Structure formats: structure tokens, C-alpha cells
């Protein structure tokens, strides 16, 4: 739980950093910086969620194989498919971030 608190503190410090909100000049819409910030946060949250999910799924599969080594053949294919689907969610977030970046210009 302490590690989660440290992650939240680090995330808060990154969000409150003044260079993230710095602008070189006045823009007509004023939302370019916020769109870029949203794209970055989108990718960060997606990568964090994917990493946690993949770690948990892999740990559960390894524990299951450790308890019953003969189940490794039956667990390998669903594990790989599950990991690929989790990774696809991160790629969807990357595509969304690219679309958000396209709205800047």
C-alpha cells in the first residue's frame, strides 16, 4: 500500500509541474496544452493498467503451474491470448492519443 501512495505522490507532482503548463504564446483556442496533457495521461494510465494486469495474470499462471506442473500445456495458450488482448488495450490508447494529437494542429 505504501508503494501505491508513493506512485500517487509522484503522479501528483508530475501533474503540478509548471513546465507542463508553460506556453510560448497566446493561442486562439487555448486547449492545445490540455489536449497534449490528456494524451500523455491516457497513455500513462493505459500502460500502468496493462502492466498491472499482465503481471497479475502471469503470476497467477505461474503459481498454478507451480502447484500442478502438468497443467502448463493447458494454461499457456489462454495466457498468451489474454496477454495479447491486454496489450491491445494499450495500443487502442496509443491510437486515441494520436487522434488527440492530430486535433492540435
PDB file of N, CA and C in Angstrom:
ATOM      1  N   UNK A   1       0.827  -1.185   0.000  1.00  0.00           N
ATOM      2  CA  UNK A   1       0.000   0.000   0.000  1.00  0.00           C
ATOM      3  C   UNK A   1       0.872   1.248   0.000  1.00  0.00           C
ATOM      4  N   UNK A   2       2.030   1.158   0.638  1.00  0.00           N
ATOM      5  CA  UNK A   2       2.924   2.307   0.687  1.00  0.00           C
ATOM      6  C   UNK A   2       3.428   2.641  -0.709  1.00  0.00           C
ATOM      7  N   UNK A   3       3.681   1.615  -1.526  1.00  0.00           N
ATOM      8  CA  UNK A   3       4.161   1.854  -2.884  1.00  0.00           C
ATOM      9  C   UNK A   3       3.093   2.585  -3.693  1.00  0.00           C
ATOM     10  N   UNK A   4       1.822   2.235  -3.504  1.00  0.00           N
ATOM     11  CA  UNK A   4       0.734   2.896  -4.215  1.00  0.00           C
ATOM     12  C   UNK A   4       0.656   4.367  -3.824  1.00  0.00           C
ATOM     13  N   UNK A   5       0.884   4.664  -2.549  1.00  0.00           N
ATOM     14  CA  UNK A   5       0.897   6.054  -2.091  1.00  0.00           C
ATOM     15  C   UNK A   5       2.039   6.832  -2.725  1.00  0.00           C
ATOM     16  N   UNK A   6       3.197   6.188  -2.851  1.00  0.00           N
ATOM     17  CA  UNK A   6       4.326   6.853  -3.493  1.00  0.00           C
ATOM     18  C   UNK A   6       4.053   7.119  -4.960  1.00  0.00           C
ATOM     19  N   UNK A   7       3.372   6.199  -5.623  1.00  0.00           N
ATOM     20  CA  UNK A   7       3.022   6.401  -7.036  1.00  0.00           C
ATOM     21  C   UNK A   7       2.059   7.572  -7.161  1.00  0.00           C
ATOM     22  N   UNK A   8       1.080   7.674  -6.266  1.00  0.00           N
ATOM     23  CA  UNK A   8       0.138   8.785  -6.314  1.00  0.00           C
ATOM     24  C   UNK A   8       0.825  10.121  -6.063  1.00  0.00           C
ATOM     25  N   UNK A   9       1.771  10.143  -5.144  1.00  0.00           N
ATOM     26  CA  UNK A   9       2.516  11.375  -4.874  1.00  0.00           C
ATOM     27  C   UNK A   9       3.338  11.774  -6.093  1.00  0.00           C
ATOM     28  N   UNK A  10       4.007  10.805  -6.711  1.00  0.00           N
ATOM     29  CA  UNK A  10       4.803  11.110  -7.906  1.00  0.00           C
ATOM     30  C   UNK A  10       3.917  11.592  -9.042  1.00  0.00           C
ATOM     31  N   UNK A  11       2.752  10.974  -9.217  1.00  0.00           N
ATOM     32  CA  UNK A  11       1.830  11.401 -10.268  1.00  0.00           C
ATOM     33  C   UNK A  11       1.334  12.819  -9.994  1.00  0.00           C
ATOM     34  N   UNK A  12       1.027  13.126  -8.753  1.00  0.00           N
ATOM     35  CA  UNK A  12       0.588  14.481  -8.401  1.00  0.00           C
ATOM     36  C   UNK A  12       1.659  15.519  -8.662  1.00  0.00           C
ATOM     37  N   UNK A  13       2.899  15.186  -8.337  1.00  0.00           N
ATOM     38  CA  UNK A  13       3.988  16.123  -8.604  1.00  0.00           C
ATOM     39  C   UNK A  13       4.196  16.346 -10.092  1.00  0.00           C
ATOM     40  N   UNK A  14       4.044  15.290 -10.883  1.00  0.00           N
ATOM     41  CA  UNK A  14       4.195  15.456 -12.336  1.00  0.00           C
ATOM     42  C   UNK A  14       3.078  16.316 -12.905  1.00  0.00           C
ATOM     43  N   UNK A  15       1.871  16.161 -12.383  1.00  0.00           N
ATOM     44  CA  UNK A  15       0.754  16.934 -12.900  1.00  0.00           C
ATOM     45  C   UNK A  15       0.836  18.398 -12.492  1.00  0.00           C
ATOM     46  N   UNK A  16       1.464  18.677 -11.372  1.00  0.00           N
ATOM     47  CA  UNK A  16       1.540  20.044 -10.896  1.00  0.00           C
ATOM     48  C   UNK A  16       2.813  20.756 -11.327  1.00  0.00           C
ATOM     49  N   UNK A  17       3.650  20.093 -12.091  1.00  0.00           N
ATOM     50  CA  UNK A  17       4.897  20.723 -12.533  1.00  0.00           C
ATOM     51  C   UNK A  17       4.581  21.877 -13.471  1.00  0.00           C
ATOM     52  N   UNK A  18       5.200  23.009 -13.240  1.00  0.00           N
ATOM     53  CA  UNK A  18       4.895  24.196 -14.045  1.00  0.00           C
ATOM     54  C   UNK A  18       5.321  24.077 -15.501  1.00  0.00           C
ATOM     55  N   UNK A  19       6.399  23.360 -15.868  1.00  0.00           N
ATOM     56  CA  UNK A  19       6.722  23.275 -17.300  1.00  0.00           C
ATOM     57  C   UNK A  19       5.658  22.563 -18.121  1.00  0.00           C
ATOM     58  N   UNK A  20       4.857  21.747 -17.505  1.00  0.00           N
ATOM     59  CA  UNK A  20       3.824  21.036 -18.250  1.00  0.00           C
ATOM     60  C   UNK A  20       2.753  21.993 -18.755  1.00  0.00           C
ATOM     61  N   UNK A  21       2.568  23.112 -18.049  1.00  0.00           N
ATOM     62  CA  UNK A  21       1.540  24.067 -18.431  1.00  0.00           C
ATOM     63  C   UNK A  21       2.117  25.326 -19.080  1.00  0.00           C
ATOM     64  N   UNK A  22       3.409  25.339 -19.364  1.00  0.00           N
ATOM     65  CA  UNK A  22       4.040  26.521 -19.942  1.00  0.00           C
ATOM     66  C   UNK A  22       3.644  26.666 -21.409  1.00  0.00           C
ATOM     67  N   UNK A  23       3.403  27.906 -21.816  1.00  0.00           N
ATOM     68  CA  UNK A  23       3.089  28.207 -23.208  1.00  0.00           C
ATOM     69  C   UNK A  23       4.037  29.282 -23.688  1.00  0.00           C
ATOM     70  N   UNK A  24       4.387  29.221 -24.971  1.00  0.00           N
ATOM     71  CA  UNK A  24       5.279  30.234 -25.522  1.00  0.00           C
ATOM     72  C   UNK A  24       4.512  31.462 -25.978  1.00  0.00           C
ATOM     73  N   UNK A  25       3.280  31.321 -26.347  1.00  0.00           N
ATOM     74  CA  UNK A  25       2.488  32.458 -26.799  1.00  0.00           C
ATOM     75  C   UNK A  25       1.016  32.177 -26.638  1.00  0.00           C
ATOM     76  N   UNK A  26       0.225  33.198 -26.869  1.00  0.00           N
ATOM     77  CA  UNK A  26      -1.217  33.039 -26.744  1.00  0.00           C
ATOM     78  C   UNK A  26      -1.757  32.259 -27.941  1.00  0.00           C
ATOM     79  N   UNK A  27      -2.617  31.324 -27.684  1.00  0.00           N
ATOM     80  CA  UNK A  27      -3.225  30.541 -28.756  1.00  0.00           C
ATOM     81  C   UNK A  27      -4.707  30.880 -28.819  1.00  0.00           C
ATOM     82  N   UNK A  28      -5.305  30.797 -30.009  1.00  0.00           N
ATOM     83  CA  UNK A  28      -6.713  31.178 -30.126  1.00  0.00           C
ATOM     84  C   UNK A  28      -7.649  30.309 -29.296  1.00  0.00           C
ATOM     85  N   UNK A  29      -7.466  28.989 -29.334  1.00  0.00           N
ATOM     86  CA  UNK A  29      -8.355  28.100 -28.594  1.00  0.00           C
ATOM     87  C   UNK A  29      -7.903  27.902 -27.158  1.00  0.00           C
ATOM     88  N   UNK A  30      -6.613  27.823 -26.962  1.00  0.00           N
ATOM     89  CA  UNK A  30      -6.065  27.638 -25.632  1.00  0.00           C
ATOM     90  C   UNK A  30      -6.135  26.220 -25.111  1.00  0.00           C
ATOM     91  N   UNK A  31      -6.528  25.254 -25.945  1.00  0.00           N
ATOM     92  CA  UNK A  31      -6.692  23.898 -25.449  1.00  0.00           C
ATOM     93  C   UNK A  31      -5.598  22.952 -25.944  1.00  0.00           C
ATOM     94  N   UNK A  32      -4.607  23.464 -26.680  1.00  0.00           N
ATOM     95  CA  UNK A  32      -3.567  22.576 -27.220  1.00  0.00           C
ATOM     96  C   UNK A  32      -2.767  21.903 -26.107  1.00  0.00           C
ATOM     97  N   UNK A  33      -2.424  22.663 -25.101  1.00  0.00           N
ATOM     98  CA  UNK A  33      -1.658  22.087 -23.995  1.00  0.00           C
ATOM     99  C   UNK A  33      -2.443  21.047 -23.227  1.00  0.00           C
ATOM    100  N   UNK A  34      -3.735  21.305 -23.051  1.00  0.00           N
ATOM    101  CA  UNK A  34      -4.565  20.350 -22.319  1.00  0.00           C
ATOM    102  C   UNK A  34      -4.787  19.070 -23.118  1.00  0.00           C
ATOM    103  N   UNK A  35      -4.892  19.204 -24.446  1.00  0.00           N
ATOM    104  CA  UNK A  35      -5.046  18.001 -25.275  1.00  0.00           C
ATOM    105  C   UNK A  35      -3.782  17.157 -25.215  1.00  0.00           C
ATOM    106  N   UNK A  36      -2.614  17.804 -25.280  1.00  0.00           N
ATOM    107  CA  UNK A  36      -1.358  17.062 -25.180  1.00  0.00           C
ATOM    108  C   UNK A  36      -1.222  16.411 -23.809  1.00  0.00           C
ATOM    109  N   UNK A  37      -1.636  17.108 -22.768  1.00  0.00           N
ATOM    110  CA  UNK A  37      -1.586  16.547 -21.418  1.00  0.00           C
ATOM    111  C   UNK A  37      -2.539  15.356 -21.298  1.00  0.00           C
ATOM    112  N   UNK A  38      -3.726  15.461 -21.892  1.00  0.00           N
ATOM    113  CA  UNK A  38      -4.690  14.357 -21.861  1.00  0.00           C
ATOM    114  C   UNK A  38      -4.146  13.145 -22.600  1.00  0.00           C
ATOM    115  N   UNK A  39      -3.465  13.380 -23.730  1.00  0.00           N
ATOM    116  CA  UNK A  39      -2.890  12.259 -24.480  1.00  0.00           C
ATOM    117  C   UNK A  39      -1.813  11.560 -23.661  1.00  0.00           C
ATOM    118  N   UNK A  40      -0.981  12.327 -22.989  1.00  0.00           N
ATOM    119  CA  UNK A  40       0.067  11.730 -22.153  1.00  0.00           C
ATOM    120  C   UNK A  40      -0.498  10.959 -20.975  1.00  0.00           C
ATOM    121  N   UNK A  41      -1.498  11.522 -20.326  1.00  0.00           N
ATOM    122  CA  UNK A  41      -2.120  10.831 -19.195  1.00  0.00           C
ATOM    123  C   UNK A  41      -2.821   9.564 -19.672  1.00  0.00           C
ATOM    124  N   UNK A  42      -3.460   9.638 -20.830  1.00  0.00           N
ATOM    125  CA  UNK A  42      -4.130   8.462 -21.408  1.00  0.00           C
ATOM    126  C   UNK A  42      -3.144   7.320 -21.602  1.00  0.00           C
ATOM    127  N   UNK A  43      -2.001   7.625 -22.187  1.00  0.00           N
ATOM    128  CA  UNK A  43      -1.002   6.573 -22.405  1.00  0.00           C
ATOM    129  C   UNK A  43      -0.430   6.055 -21.092  1.00  0.00           C
ATOM    130  N   UNK A  44      -0.196   6.947 -20.160  1.00  0.00           N
ATOM    131  CA  UNK A  44       0.358   6.523 -18.872  1.00  0.00           C
ATOM    132  C   UNK A  44      -0.572   5.609 -18.103  1.00  0.00           C
ATOM    133  N   UNK A  45      -1.837   5.963 -18.042  1.00  0.00           N
ATOM    134  CA  UNK A  45      -2.814   5.143 -17.321  1.00  0.00           C
ATOM    135  C   UNK A  45      -3.000   3.798 -18.015  1.00  0.00           C
ATOM    136  N   UNK A  46      -3.031   3.824 -19.349  1.00  0.00           N
ATOM    137  CA  UNK A  46      -3.194   2.569 -20.089  1.00  0.00           C
ATOM    138  C   UNK A  46      -1.995   1.651 -19.878  1.00  0.00           C
ATOM    139  N   UNK A  47      -0.797   2.215 -19.913  1.00  0.00           N
ATOM    140  CA  UNK A  47       0.400   1.395 -19.707  1.00  0.00           C
ATOM    141  C   UNK A  47       0.456   0.858 -18.279  1.00  0.00           C
ATOM    142  N   UNK A  48       0.069   1.679 -17.314  1.00  0.00           N
ATOM    143  CA  UNK A  48       0.071   1.228 -15.919  1.00  0.00           C
ATOM    144  C   UNK A  48      -0.944   0.103 -15.715  1.00  0.00           C
ATOM    145  N   UNK A  49      -2.145   0.279 -16.238  1.00  0.00           N
ATOM    146  CA  UNK A  49      -3.165  -0.758 -16.091  1.00  0.00           C
ATOM    147  C   UNK A  49      -2.776  -2.050 -16.776  1.00  0.00           C
ATOM    148  N   UNK A  50      -2.198  -1.922 -17.969  1.00  0.00           N
ATOM    149  CA  UNK A  50      -1.772  -3.121 -18.690  1.00  0.00           C
ATOM    150  C   UNK A  50      -0.661  -3.840 -17.949  1.00  0.00           C
ATOM    151  N   UNK A  51       0.293  -3.087 -17.441  1.00  0.00           N
ATOM    152  CA  UNK A  51       1.405  -3.711 -16.713  1.00  0.00           C
ATOM    153  C   UNK A  51       0.908  -4.426 -15.464  1.00  0.00           C
ATOM    154  N   UNK A  52       0.003  -3.796 -14.730  1.00  0.00           N
ATOM    155  CA  UNK A  52      -0.535  -4.446 -13.531  1.00  0.00           C
ATOM    156  C   UNK A  52      -1.338  -5.695 -13.890  1.00  0.00           C
ATOM    157  N   UNK A  53      -2.149  -5.604 -14.920  1.00  0.00           N
ATOM    158  CA  UNK A  53      -2.959  -6.756 -15.339  1.00  0.00           C
ATOM    159  C   UNK A  53      -2.117  -7.903 -15.849  1.00  0.00           C
ATOM    160  N   UNK A  54      -1.115  -7.592 -16.664  1.00  0.00           N
ATOM    161  CA  UNK A  54      -0.254  -8.650 -17.185  1.00  0.00           C
ATOM    162  C   UNK A  54       0.570  -9.284 -16.073  1.00  0.00           C
ATOM    163  N   UNK A  55       1.036  -8.489 -15.153  1.00  0.00           N
ATOM    164  CA  UNK A  55       1.792  -9.048 -14.029  1.00  0.00           C
ATOM    165  C   UNK A  55       0.953  -9.967 -13.175  1.00  0.00           C
ATOM    166  N   UNK A  56      -0.275  -9.542 -12.915  1.00  0.00           N
ATOM    167  CA  UNK A  56      -1.163 -10.363 -12.092  1.00  0.00           C
ATOM    168  C   UNK A  56      -1.549 -11.662 -12.804  1.00  0.00           C
ATOM    169  N   UNK A  57      -1.829 -11.570 -14.107  1.00  0.00           N
ATOM    170  CA  UNK A  57      -2.205 -12.768 -14.864  1.00  0.00           C
ATOM    171  C   UNK A  57      -1.041 -13.748 -14.959  1.00  0.00           C
ATOM    172  N   UNK A  58       0.143 -13.221 -15.206  1.00  0.00           N
ATOM    173  CA  UNK A  58       1.313 -14.089 -15.304  1.00  0.00           C
ATOM    174  C   UNK A  58       1.635 -14.730 -13.958  1.00  0.00           C
ATOM    175  N   UNK A  59       1.521 -13.956 -12.890  1.00  0.00           N
ATOM    176  CA  UNK A  59       1.788 -14.509 -11.563  1.00  0.00           C
ATOM    177  C   UNK A  59       0.803 -15.616 -11.225  1.00  0.00           C
ATOM    178  N   UNK A  60      -0.459 -15.420 -11.569  1.00  0.00           N
ATOM    179  CA  UNK A  60      -1.462 -16.456 -11.293  1.00  0.00           C
ATOM    180  C   UNK A  60      -1.189 -17.712 -12.118  1.00  0.00           C
ATOM    181  N   UNK A  61      -0.786 -17.524 -13.376  1.00  0.00           N
ATOM    182  CA  UNK A  61      -0.487 -18.688 -14.216  1.00  0.00           C
ATOM    183  C   UNK A  61       0.740 -19.437 -13.692  1.00  0.00           C
ATOM    184  N   UNK A  62       1.765 -18.710 -13.294  1.00  0.00           N
ATOM    185  CA  UNK A  62       2.973 -19.363 -12.780  1.00  0.00           C
ATOM    186  C   UNK A  62       2.698 -20.084 -11.458  1.00  0.00           C
ATOM    187  N   UNK A  63       1.862 -19.492 -10.626  1.00  0.00           N
ATOM    188  CA  UNK A  63       1.504 -20.160  -9.374  1.00  0.00           C
ATOM    189  C   UNK A  63       0.712 -21.429  -9.654  1.00  0.00           C
ATOM    190  N   UNK A  64      -0.178 -21.360 -10.628  1.00  0.00           N
ATOM    191  CA  UNK A  64      -0.964 -22.538 -10.990  1.00  0.00           C
ATOM    192  C   UNK A  64      -0.077 -23.642 -11.554  1.00  0.00           C
ATOM    193  N   UNK A  65       0.875 -23.257 -12.401  1.00  0.00           N
ATOM    194  CA  UNK A  65       1.799 -24.250 -12.956  1.00  0.00           C
ATOM    195  C   UNK A  65       2.690 -24.817 -11.854  1.00  0.00           C
ATOM    196  N   UNK A  66       3.056 -23.978 -10.894  1.00  0.00           N
ATOM    197  CA  UNK A  66       3.862 -24.464  -9.776  1.00  0.00           C
ATOM    198  C   UNK A  66       3.136 -25.473  -8.926  1.00  0.00           C
ATOM    199  N   UNK A  67       1.841 -25.299  -8.767  1.00  0.00           N
ATOM    200  CA  UNK A  67       1.053 -26.241  -7.969  1.00  0.00           C
ATOM    201  C   UNK A  67       0.735 -27.519  -8.742  1.00  0.00           C
ATOM    202  N   UNK A  68       0.555 -27.368 -10.061  1.00  0.00           N
ATOM    203  CA  UNK A  68       0.233 -28.522 -10.891  1.00  0.00           C
ATOM    204  C   UNK A  68       1.028 -28.410 -12.195  1.00  0.00           C
ATOM    205  N   UNK A  69       2.252 -28.924 -12.242  1.00  0.00           N
ATOM    206  CA  UNK A  69       3.102 -28.765 -13.428  1.00  0.00           C
ATOM    207  C   UNK A  69       2.526 -29.371 -14.700  1.00  0.00           C
ATOM    208  N   UNK A  70       1.641 -30.326 -14.578  1.00  0.00           N
ATOM    209  CA  UNK A  70       1.080 -30.946 -15.774  1.00  0.00           C
ATOM    210  C   UNK A  70       0.021 -30.067 -16.445  1.00  0.00           C
ATOM    211  N   UNK A  71      -0.363 -28.961 -15.814  1.00  0.00           N
ATOM    212  CA  UNK A  71      -1.355 -28.071 -16.413  1.00  0.00           C
ATOM    213  C   UNK A  71      -0.715 -26.987 -17.276  1.00  0.00           C
ATOM    214  N   UNK A  72       0.596 -27.017 -17.434  1.00  0.00           N
ATOM    215  CA  UNK A  72       1.296 -25.970 -18.188  1.00  0.00           C
ATOM    216  C   UNK A  72       0.840 -25.924 -19.641  1.00  0.00           C
ATOM    217  N   UNK A  73       0.607 -27.077 -20.243  1.00  0.00           N
ATOM    218  CA  UNK A  73       0.184 -27.107 -21.645  1.00  0.00           C
ATOM    219  C   UNK A  73      -1.194 -26.468 -21.833  1.00  0.00           C
ATOM    220  N   UNK A  74      -2.076 -26.696 -20.862  1.00  0.00           N
ATOM    221  CA  UNK A  74      -3.430 -26.151 -20.973  1.00  0.00           C
ATOM    222  C   UNK A  74      -3.496 -24.674 -20.610  1.00  0.00           C
ATOM    223  N   UNK A  75      -2.519 -24.162 -19.861  1.00  0.00           N
ATOM    224  CA  UNK A  75      -2.543 -22.766 -19.433  1.00  0.00           C
ATOM    225  C   UNK A  75      -1.810 -21.834 -20.395  1.00  0.00           C
ATOM    226  N   UNK A  76      -0.888 -22.355 -21.161  1.00  0.00           N
ATOM    227  CA  UNK A  76      -0.031 -21.495 -21.974  1.00  0.00           C
ATOM    228  C   UNK A  76      -0.816 -20.725 -23.034  1.00  0.00           C
ATOM    229  N   UNK A  77      -1.664 -21.382 -23.793  1.00  0.00           N
ATOM    230  CA  UNK A  77      -2.396 -20.714 -24.874  1.00  0.00           C
ATOM    231  C   UNK A  77      -3.371 -19.662 -24.348  1.00  0.00           C
ATOM    232  N   UNK A  78      -4.217 -19.963 -23.352  1.00  0.00           N
ATOM    233  CA  UNK A  78      -5.094 -18.899 -22.834  1.00  0.00           C
ATOM    234  C   UNK A  78      -4.321 -17.736 -22.220  1.00  0.00           C
ATOM    235  N   UNK A  79      -3.174 -18.029 -21.598  1.00  0.00           N
ATOM    236  CA  UNK A  79      -2.370 -16.958 -21.017  1.00  0.00           C
ATOM    237  C   UNK A  79      -1.848 -16.034 -22.108  1.00  0.00           C
ATOM    238  N   UNK A  80      -1.330 -16.586 -23.181  1.00  0.00           N
ATOM    239  CA  UNK A  80      -0.785 -15.765 -24.264  1.00  0.00           C
ATOM    240  C   UNK A  80      -1.900 -14.965 -24.933  1.00  0.00           C
ATOM    241  N   UNK A  81      -3.059 -15.568 -25.129  1.00  0.00           N
ATOM    242  CA  UNK A  81      -4.184 -14.842 -25.722  1.00  0.00           C
ATOM    243  C   UNK A  81      -4.627 -13.705 -24.798  1.00  0.00           C
ATOM    244  N   UNK A  82      -4.695 -13.974 -23.518  1.00  0.00           N
ATOM    245  CA  UNK A  82      -5.070 -12.928 -22.558  1.00  0.00           C
ATOM    246  C   UNK A  82      -4.073 -11.788 -22.524  1.00  0.00           C
ATOM    247  N   UNK A  83      -2.780 -12.118 -22.553  1.00  0.00           N
ATOM    248  CA  UNK A  83      -1.761 -11.068 -22.567  1.00  0.00           C
ATOM    249  C   UNK A  83      -1.839 -10.241 -23.845  1.00  0.00           C
ATOM    250  N   UNK A  84      -2.124 -10.881 -24.966  1.00  0.00           N
ATOM    251  CA  UNK A  84      -2.250 -10.147 -26.232  1.00  0.00           C
ATOM    252  C   UNK A  84      -3.450  -9.213 -26.204  1.00  0.00           C
ATOM    253  N   UNK A  85      -4.559  -9.659 -25.615  1.00  0.00           N
ATOM    254  CA  UNK A  85      -5.733  -8.791 -25.523  1.00  0.00           C
ATOM    255  C   UNK A  85      -5.472  -7.599 -24.595  1.00  0.00           C
ATOM    256  N   UNK A  86      -4.742  -7.825 -23.517  1.00  0.00           N
ATOM    257  CA  UNK A  86      -4.389  -6.712 -22.633  1.00  0.00           C
ATOM    258  C   UNK A  86      -3.497  -5.711 -23.353  1.00  0.00           C
ATOM    259  N   UNK A  87      -2.562  -6.218 -24.115  1.00  0.00           N
ATOM    260  CA  UNK A  87      -1.666  -5.337 -24.861  1.00  0.00           C
ATOM    261  C   UNK A  87      -2.430  -4.563 -25.930  1.00  0.00           C
ATOM    262  N   UNK A  88      -3.473  -5.167 -26.492  1.00  0.00           N
ATOM    263  CA  UNK A  88      -4.282  -4.480 -27.496  1.00  0.00           C
ATOM    264  C   UNK A  88      -4.982  -3.261 -26.896  1.00  0.00           C
ATOM    265  N   UNK A  89      -5.371  -3.334 -25.629  1.00  0.00           N
ATOM    266  CA  UNK A  89      -5.992  -2.181 -24.990  1.00  0.00           C
ATOM    267  C   UNK A  89      -5.021  -1.014 -24.902  1.00  0.00           C
ATOM    268  N   UNK A  90      -3.750  -1.296 -24.647  1.00  0.00           N
ATOM    269  CA  UNK A  90      -2.751  -0.235 -24.618  1.00  0.00           C
ATOM    270  C   UNK A  90      -2.552   0.349 -26.007  1.00  0.00           C
ATOM    271  N   UNK A  91      -2.589  -0.482 -27.020  1.00  0.00           N
ATOM    272  CA  UNK A  91      -2.457   0.029 -28.386  1.00  0.00           C
ATOM    273  C   UNK A  91      -3.662   0.884 -28.771  1.00  0.00           C
ATOM    274  N   UNK A  92      -4.850   0.542 -28.285  1.00  0.00           N
ATOM    275  CA  UNK A  92      -6.016   1.395 -28.522  1.00  0.00           C
ATOM    276  C   UNK A  92      -5.803   2.767 -27.887  1.00  0.00           C
ATOM    277  N   UNK A  93      -5.228   2.801 -26.692  1.00  0.00           N
ATOM    278  CA  UNK A  93      -4.939   4.081 -26.041  1.00  0.00           C
ATOM    279  C   UNK A  93      -3.917   4.879 -26.847  1.00  0.00           C
ATOM    280  N   UNK A  94      -2.953   4.192 -27.447  1.00  0.00           N
ATOM    281  CA  UNK A  94      -1.973   4.872 -28.288  1.00  0.00           C
ATOM    282  C   UNK A  94      -2.645   5.496 -29.510  1.00  0.00           C
ATOM    283  N   UNK A  95      -3.568   4.780 -30.111  1.00  0.00           N
ATOM    284  CA  UNK A  95      -4.293   5.317 -31.269  1.00  0.00           C
ATOM    285  C   UNK A  95      -5.126   6.524 -30.859  1.00  0.00           C
ATOM    286  N   UNK A  96      -5.776   6.454 -29.707  1.00  0.00           N
ATOM    287  CA  UNK A  96      -6.562   7.590 -29.214  1.00  0.00           C
ATOM    288  C   UNK A  96      -5.655   8.787 -28.964  1.00  0.00           C
ATOM    289  N   UNK A  97      -4.475   8.546 -28.399  1.00  0.00           N
ATOM    290  CA  UNK A  97      -3.534   9.639 -28.162  1.00  0.00           C
ATOM    291  C   UNK A  97      -3.088  10.264 -29.479  1.00  0.00           C
ATOM    292  N   UNK A  98      -2.871   9.462 -30.504  1.00  0.00           N
ATOM    293  CA  UNK A  98      -2.508  10.005 -31.815  1.00  0.00           C
ATOM    294  C   UNK A  98      -3.653  10.850 -32.380  1.00  0.00           C
ATOM    295  N   UNK A  99      -4.881  10.400 -32.212  1.00  0.00           N
ATOM    296  CA  UNK A  99      -6.015  11.197 -32.679  1.00  0.00           C
ATOM    297  C   UNK A  99      -6.106  12.522 -31.922  1.00  0.00           C
ATOM    298  N   UNK A 100      -5.857  12.486 -30.616  1.00  0.00           N
ATOM    299  CA  UNK A 100      -5.876  13.721 -29.835  1.00  0.00           C
ATOM    300  C   UNK A 100      -4.768  14.670 -30.286  1.00  0.00           C
ATOM    301  N   UNK A 101      -3.603  14.127 -30.580  1.00  0.00           N
ATOM    302  CA  UNK A 101      -2.503  14.974 -31.060  1.00  0.00           C
ATOM    303  C   UNK A 101      -2.831  15.568 -32.418  1.00  0.00           C
ATOM    304  N   UNK A 102      -3.592  14.864 -33.235  1.00  0.00           N
ATOM    305  CA  UNK A 102      -3.974  15.366 -34.543  1.00  0.00           C
ATOM    306  C   UNK A 102      -4.916  16.558 -34.451  1.00  0.00           C
ATOM    307  N   UNK A 103      -5.624  16.725 -33.334  1.00  0.00           N
ATOM    308  CA  UNK A 103      -6.537  17.844 -33.158  1.00  0.00           C
ATOM    309  C   UNK A 103      -5.810  19.134 -32.784  1.00  0.00           C
ATOM    310  N   UNK A 104      -4.524  19.024 -32.448  1.00  0.00           N
ATOM    311  CA  UNK A 104      -3.773  20.223 -32.041  1.00  0.00           C
ATOM    312  C   UNK A 104      -3.537  21.137 -33.221  1.00  0.00           C
ATOM    313  N   UNK A 105      -3.055  20.585 -34.324  1.00  0.00           N
ATOM    314  CA  UNK A 105      -2.675  21.414 -35.460  1.00  0.00           C
ATOM    315  C   UNK A 105      -3.843  21.772 -36.250  1.00  0.00           C
TER     316      UNK A 105
END
